[in-house]
Structures are given as C-alpha cells and as structure tokens.
Amino acid sequence: MRRARPTTGGSMSKGYWVSVYPTIEDTESLEAYNELAGRTVAAAGGRVLASIGSRVEAHEAGLAERVVLIEFDSFEQAVAARASATYQQALAALPDGFERDFRIVEGLD
C-alpha cells in the first residue's frame, strides 16, 4: 500500500538504488566498477545503507543474494546519479559474467 505524499509544501521523497546480484563470477574484477560507482554515489550525496557482504535473510520467493542499498536525499538525485557521465563510465567497467537487478525506488517520505 502506498501512502499519499503532500502535493504542496511537502519535502521531496528520498530515492534509493536497490541492486541485487544473482551472479558475480569474480568479485575482484568488480574493483574498477566499485571505485567509479563509489565516486558517483559520494558526489551525488548518496549513502550506502547495505552492501555486498551484509547479512540477508530471504523469505517467500526471495533468494539470499547479494544486495546493495543506497539512499539519496531525493528520487531526482538518485535518477541523476544513474544518468551521470561518471556512472556511465562505471557501467562500462563491469566485467563479463556479471548479472544484477538494478532499480531506482522512490521513498514514501
């Protein structure tokens, strides 16, 4: 269920990058991506809330895969960070044998 947000005078909703990594064949080969992506996130004011290596307890149809959760002050900041030139460079550095499900999600507040 989605809560209604104020239409006037309300604060902007936070934005979140949610990444699930079902396949990473070689975690060491992600180093270049992690460096570039980390710079992009920091420059855009993003904060890593959970990262690869965090504990995961999956339920229902969920799989206990690696998850990264990054918070931005607004949904628009999260979208802009993904579209930035530095993040596009990071994406180009992703290695072969790599699979993930990436989403940008708007927070309720």
N, C-alpha and C. Protein backbone atom coordinates (compact mmCIF):
# COMPACT_ATOMS: atom_id res chain seq x y z
N MET A 1 0.84 -1.17 0.00
CA MET A 1 0.00 0.00 0.00
C MET A 1 0.89 1.24 0.00
N ARG A 2 0.57 2.19 -0.82
CA ARG A 2 1.37 3.40 -0.94
C ARG A 2 0.69 4.54 -0.19
N ARG A 3 1.46 5.26 0.61
CA ARG A 3 0.92 6.42 1.31
C ARG A 3 0.92 7.61 0.38
N ALA A 4 -0.06 8.46 0.53
CA ALA A 4 -0.12 9.69 -0.26
C ALA A 4 0.93 10.66 0.26
N ARG A 5 1.58 11.37 -0.67
CA ARG A 5 2.55 12.40 -0.31
C ARG A 5 1.88 13.75 -0.41
N PRO A 6 2.34 14.73 0.35
CA PRO A 6 1.78 16.07 0.23
C PRO A 6 2.01 16.59 -1.18
N THR A 7 1.05 17.33 -1.71
CA THR A 7 1.20 17.86 -3.06
C THR A 7 1.77 19.27 -3.08
N THR A 8 1.70 19.98 -1.96
CA THR A 8 2.28 21.32 -1.90
C THR A 8 2.99 21.50 -0.58
N GLY A 9 4.13 22.14 -0.62
CA GLY A 9 4.86 22.46 0.58
C GLY A 9 5.51 21.29 1.28
N GLY A 10 5.36 20.08 0.76
CA GLY A 10 5.95 18.90 1.39
C GLY A 10 7.39 18.72 0.97
N SER A 11 8.12 17.93 1.72
CA SER A 11 9.50 17.66 1.36
C SER A 11 9.56 16.64 0.24
N MET A 12 10.68 16.62 -0.46
CA MET A 12 10.87 15.67 -1.55
C MET A 12 11.11 14.28 -0.98
N SER A 13 10.63 13.28 -1.69
CA SER A 13 10.84 11.90 -1.25
C SER A 13 12.27 11.47 -1.52
N LYS A 14 12.80 10.66 -0.64
CA LYS A 14 14.13 10.12 -0.84
C LYS A 14 14.11 9.15 -2.01
N GLY A 15 15.28 8.92 -2.57
CA GLY A 15 15.42 7.95 -3.65
C GLY A 15 16.41 6.88 -3.23
N TYR A 16 16.21 5.68 -3.72
CA TYR A 16 17.05 4.55 -3.35
C TYR A 16 17.49 3.78 -4.59
N TRP A 17 18.77 3.45 -4.62
CA TRP A 17 19.27 2.47 -5.58
C TRP A 17 19.20 1.13 -4.88
N VAL A 18 18.57 0.16 -5.52
CA VAL A 18 18.49 -1.19 -4.98
C VAL A 18 19.09 -2.12 -6.02
N SER A 19 20.15 -2.79 -5.67
CA SER A 19 20.82 -3.72 -6.58
C SER A 19 20.87 -5.10 -5.94
N VAL A 20 20.48 -6.10 -6.71
CA VAL A 20 20.57 -7.49 -6.28
C VAL A 20 21.49 -8.19 -7.27
N TYR A 21 22.44 -8.93 -6.76
CA TYR A 21 23.49 -9.56 -7.57
C TYR A 21 23.36 -11.08 -7.55
N PRO A 22 22.59 -11.66 -8.49
CA PRO A 22 22.50 -13.12 -8.50
C PRO A 22 23.77 -13.81 -8.98
N THR A 23 24.55 -13.13 -9.83
CA THR A 23 25.75 -13.75 -10.37
C THR A 23 26.92 -12.77 -10.36
N ILE A 24 27.95 -13.12 -9.64
CA ILE A 24 29.23 -12.42 -9.71
C ILE A 24 30.29 -13.53 -9.74
N GLU A 25 30.84 -13.76 -10.90
CA GLU A 25 31.81 -14.85 -11.04
C GLU A 25 33.15 -14.51 -10.41
N ASP A 26 33.54 -13.24 -10.46
CA ASP A 26 34.85 -12.84 -9.95
C ASP A 26 34.71 -11.50 -9.25
N THR A 27 34.57 -11.50 -7.93
CA THR A 27 34.36 -10.25 -7.20
C THR A 27 35.55 -9.30 -7.31
N GLU A 28 36.75 -9.83 -7.49
CA GLU A 28 37.92 -8.96 -7.63
C GLU A 28 37.87 -8.12 -8.90
N SER A 29 37.21 -8.64 -9.94
CA SER A 29 37.14 -7.90 -11.20
C SER A 29 36.14 -6.74 -11.12
N LEU A 30 35.41 -6.63 -10.04
CA LEU A 30 34.49 -5.52 -9.85
C LEU A 30 35.17 -4.27 -9.29
N GLU A 31 36.45 -4.36 -8.99
CA GLU A 31 37.16 -3.27 -8.33
C GLU A 31 37.05 -1.94 -9.09
N ALA A 32 37.25 -1.96 -10.40
CA ALA A 32 37.18 -0.72 -11.20
C ALA A 32 35.77 -0.14 -11.14
N TYR A 33 34.75 -0.99 -11.28
CA TYR A 33 33.37 -0.51 -11.19
C TYR A 33 33.10 0.08 -9.81
N ASN A 34 33.48 -0.62 -8.76
CA ASN A 34 33.22 -0.14 -7.40
C ASN A 34 33.87 1.21 -7.14
N GLU A 35 35.08 1.40 -7.64
CA GLU A 35 35.77 2.69 -7.46
C GLU A 35 35.01 3.83 -8.14
N LEU A 36 34.66 3.63 -9.40
CA LEU A 36 33.95 4.67 -10.15
C LEU A 36 32.54 4.89 -9.61
N ALA A 37 31.83 3.83 -9.33
CA ALA A 37 30.48 3.94 -8.80
C ALA A 37 30.49 4.61 -7.43
N GLY A 38 31.46 4.27 -6.61
CA GLY A 38 31.58 4.89 -5.29
C GLY A 38 31.77 6.38 -5.36
N ARG A 39 32.59 6.84 -6.32
CA ARG A 39 32.80 8.28 -6.51
C ARG A 39 31.50 8.95 -6.94
N THR A 40 30.76 8.30 -7.83
CA THR A 40 29.49 8.86 -8.31
C THR A 40 28.51 9.00 -7.15
N VAL A 41 28.38 7.95 -6.36
CA VAL A 41 27.45 7.96 -5.23
C VAL A 41 27.82 9.06 -4.24
N ALA A 42 29.09 9.16 -3.90
CA ALA A 42 29.54 10.18 -2.95
C ALA A 42 29.29 11.59 -3.49
N ALA A 43 29.61 11.82 -4.76
CA ALA A 43 29.42 13.14 -5.36
C ALA A 43 27.95 13.54 -5.41
N ALA A 44 27.06 12.56 -5.52
CA ALA A 44 25.63 12.84 -5.59
C ALA A 44 24.97 12.86 -4.21
N GLY A 45 25.77 12.69 -3.16
CA GLY A 45 25.23 12.72 -1.81
C GLY A 45 24.60 11.42 -1.36
N GLY A 46 24.90 10.33 -2.07
CA GLY A 46 24.34 9.03 -1.71
C GLY A 46 25.02 8.43 -0.51
N ARG A 47 24.27 7.62 0.22
CA ARG A 47 24.78 6.94 1.40
C ARG A 47 24.50 5.44 1.27
N VAL A 48 25.52 4.63 1.42
CA VAL A 48 25.36 3.18 1.34
C VAL A 48 24.77 2.71 2.67
N LEU A 49 23.59 2.10 2.60
CA LEU A 49 22.91 1.60 3.80
C LEU A 49 23.15 0.11 4.01
N ALA A 50 23.32 -0.63 2.93
CA ALA A 50 23.63 -2.06 2.99
C ALA A 50 24.47 -2.38 1.78
N SER A 51 25.39 -3.32 1.92
CA SER A 51 26.30 -3.61 0.82
C SER A 51 26.56 -5.10 0.74
N ILE A 52 27.24 -5.47 -0.35
CA ILE A 52 27.63 -6.86 -0.53
C ILE A 52 28.40 -7.28 0.72
N GLY A 53 28.03 -8.41 1.23
CA GLY A 53 28.65 -8.89 2.47
C GLY A 53 27.73 -8.70 3.67
N SER A 54 26.70 -7.83 3.52
CA SER A 54 25.71 -7.69 4.59
C SER A 54 24.89 -8.97 4.68
N ARG A 55 24.39 -9.25 5.84
CA ARG A 55 23.58 -10.45 6.01
C ARG A 55 22.23 -10.27 5.32
N VAL A 56 21.74 -11.36 4.72
CA VAL A 56 20.44 -11.37 4.04
C VAL A 56 19.65 -12.56 4.54
N GLU A 57 18.42 -12.33 4.92
CA GLU A 57 17.50 -13.41 5.25
C GLU A 57 16.34 -13.30 4.28
N ALA A 58 16.20 -14.26 3.39
CA ALA A 58 15.19 -14.21 2.34
C ALA A 58 13.96 -15.01 2.74
N HIS A 59 12.80 -14.53 2.32
CA HIS A 59 11.53 -15.19 2.61
C HIS A 59 10.69 -15.26 1.34
N GLU A 60 9.64 -16.05 1.39
CA GLU A 60 8.74 -16.29 0.27
C GLU A 60 9.55 -16.67 -0.97
N ALA A 61 9.40 -15.94 -2.07
CA ALA A 61 10.11 -16.27 -3.31
C ALA A 61 11.50 -15.64 -3.37
N GLY A 62 11.90 -14.93 -2.32
CA GLY A 62 13.19 -14.26 -2.30
C GLY A 62 14.36 -15.23 -2.24
N LEU A 63 15.46 -14.82 -2.79
CA LEU A 63 16.69 -15.59 -2.75
C LEU A 63 17.71 -14.82 -1.93
N ALA A 64 18.51 -15.50 -1.18
CA ALA A 64 19.52 -14.85 -0.35
C ALA A 64 20.71 -14.46 -1.22
N GLU A 65 20.50 -13.45 -2.05
CA GLU A 65 21.54 -12.96 -2.96
C GLU A 65 22.19 -11.72 -2.36
N ARG A 66 23.28 -11.31 -2.94
CA ARG A 66 23.97 -10.11 -2.51
C ARG A 66 23.11 -8.89 -2.86
N VAL A 67 23.01 -7.96 -1.92
CA VAL A 67 22.17 -6.78 -2.10
C VAL A 67 22.96 -5.53 -1.74
N VAL A 68 22.76 -4.45 -2.51
CA VAL A 68 23.32 -3.15 -2.18
C VAL A 68 22.14 -2.17 -2.13
N LEU A 69 22.07 -1.37 -1.06
CA LEU A 69 21.02 -0.38 -0.89
C LEU A 69 21.68 0.97 -0.63
N ILE A 70 21.38 1.94 -1.50
CA ILE A 70 21.97 3.28 -1.39
C ILE A 70 20.85 4.30 -1.33
N GLU A 71 20.94 5.23 -0.37
CA GLU A 71 19.92 6.25 -0.17
C GLU A 71 20.42 7.61 -0.68
N PHE A 72 19.53 8.33 -1.37
CA PHE A 72 19.79 9.69 -1.82
C PHE A 72 18.74 10.61 -1.19
N ASP A 73 19.04 11.88 -1.07
CA ASP A 73 18.11 12.82 -0.45
C ASP A 73 16.82 12.98 -1.24
N SER A 74 16.86 12.68 -2.54
CA SER A 74 15.64 12.76 -3.34
C SER A 74 15.68 11.71 -4.45
N PHE A 75 14.50 11.37 -4.93
CA PHE A 75 14.38 10.45 -6.05
C PHE A 75 15.09 11.03 -7.27
N GLU A 76 14.94 12.34 -7.47
CA GLU A 76 15.58 13.00 -8.61
C GLU A 76 17.09 12.91 -8.55
N GLN A 77 17.68 13.02 -7.35
CA GLN A 77 19.13 12.86 -7.20
C GLN A 77 19.55 11.45 -7.57
N ALA A 78 18.77 10.47 -7.17
CA ALA A 78 19.09 9.08 -7.48
C ALA A 78 19.07 8.84 -8.98
N VAL A 79 18.07 9.39 -9.66
CA VAL A 79 17.96 9.24 -11.12
C VAL A 79 19.11 9.96 -11.81
N ALA A 80 19.42 11.17 -11.37
CA ALA A 80 20.51 11.94 -11.97
C ALA A 80 21.86 11.26 -11.78
N ALA A 81 22.09 10.67 -10.63
CA ALA A 81 23.35 9.97 -10.38
C ALA A 81 23.50 8.80 -11.34
N ARG A 82 22.42 8.06 -11.58
CA ARG A 82 22.46 6.92 -12.52
C ARG A 82 22.75 7.39 -13.94
N ALA A 83 22.24 8.56 -14.31
CA ALA A 83 22.42 9.09 -15.67
C ALA A 83 23.74 9.83 -15.85
N SER A 84 24.48 10.07 -14.78
CA SER A 84 25.71 10.87 -14.86
C SER A 84 26.79 10.21 -15.71
N ALA A 85 27.66 11.04 -16.24
CA ALA A 85 28.77 10.55 -17.07
C ALA A 85 29.69 9.63 -16.26
N THR A 86 29.93 9.95 -15.00
CA THR A 86 30.83 9.11 -14.20
C THR A 86 30.21 7.74 -13.94
N TYR A 87 28.89 7.68 -13.76
CA TYR A 87 28.29 6.36 -13.55
C TYR A 87 28.26 5.57 -14.85
N GLN A 88 28.11 6.24 -15.97
CA GLN A 88 28.15 5.54 -17.26
C GLN A 88 29.53 4.92 -17.47
N GLN A 89 30.59 5.61 -17.02
CA GLN A 89 31.95 5.04 -17.07
C GLN A 89 32.04 3.81 -16.17
N ALA A 90 31.41 3.89 -15.00
CA ALA A 90 31.41 2.74 -14.08
C ALA A 90 30.72 1.55 -14.73
N LEU A 91 29.59 1.78 -15.37
CA LEU A 91 28.87 0.68 -16.03
C LEU A 91 29.73 0.03 -17.11
N ALA A 92 30.51 0.84 -17.83
CA ALA A 92 31.38 0.30 -18.88
C ALA A 92 32.48 -0.58 -18.29
N ALA A 93 32.78 -0.40 -17.01
CA ALA A 93 33.84 -1.17 -16.35
C ALA A 93 33.34 -2.49 -15.78
N LEU A 94 32.04 -2.76 -15.86
CA LEU A 94 31.52 -4.03 -15.33
C LEU A 94 32.13 -5.19 -16.10
N PRO A 95 32.54 -6.23 -15.39
CA PRO A 95 33.19 -7.37 -16.04
C PRO A 95 32.18 -8.32 -16.69
N ASP A 96 32.68 -9.21 -17.53
CA ASP A 96 31.86 -10.30 -18.07
C ASP A 96 31.48 -11.23 -16.94
N GLY A 97 30.42 -11.99 -17.13
CA GLY A 97 30.00 -12.94 -16.11
C GLY A 97 29.34 -12.28 -14.93
N PHE A 98 28.80 -11.10 -15.15
CA PHE A 98 28.22 -10.29 -14.09
C PHE A 98 26.74 -10.12 -14.39
N GLU A 99 25.90 -10.30 -13.38
CA GLU A 99 24.47 -10.13 -13.54
C GLU A 99 23.92 -9.43 -12.31
N ARG A 100 23.01 -8.47 -12.53
CA ARG A 100 22.35 -7.84 -11.39
C ARG A 100 20.99 -7.30 -11.80
N ASP A 101 20.17 -7.08 -10.80
CA ASP A 101 18.87 -6.46 -10.97
C ASP A 101 18.99 -5.10 -10.27
N PHE A 102 18.89 -4.02 -11.04
CA PHE A 102 19.10 -2.66 -10.52
C PHE A 102 17.81 -1.88 -10.64
N ARG A 103 17.40 -1.22 -9.58
CA ARG A 103 16.19 -0.40 -9.60
C ARG A 103 16.43 0.89 -8.85
N ILE A 104 15.73 1.94 -9.27
CA ILE A 104 15.68 3.18 -8.51
C ILE A 104 14.27 3.29 -7.97
N VAL A 105 14.16 3.43 -6.66
CA VAL A 105 12.86 3.39 -5.99
C VAL A 105 12.65 4.69 -5.23
N GLU A 106 11.45 5.23 -5.32
CA GLU A 106 11.09 6.43 -4.58
C GLU A 106 10.63 6.05 -3.18
N GLY A 107 11.17 6.75 -2.18
CA GLY A 107 10.75 6.52 -0.81
C GLY A 107 9.40 7.13 -0.53
N LEU A 108 8.80 6.77 0.56
CA LEU A 108 7.48 7.27 0.93
C LEU A 108 7.55 8.65 1.55
N ASP A 109 8.65 9.00 2.17
CA ASP A 109 8.80 10.32 2.80
C ASP A 109 9.89 11.10 2.15
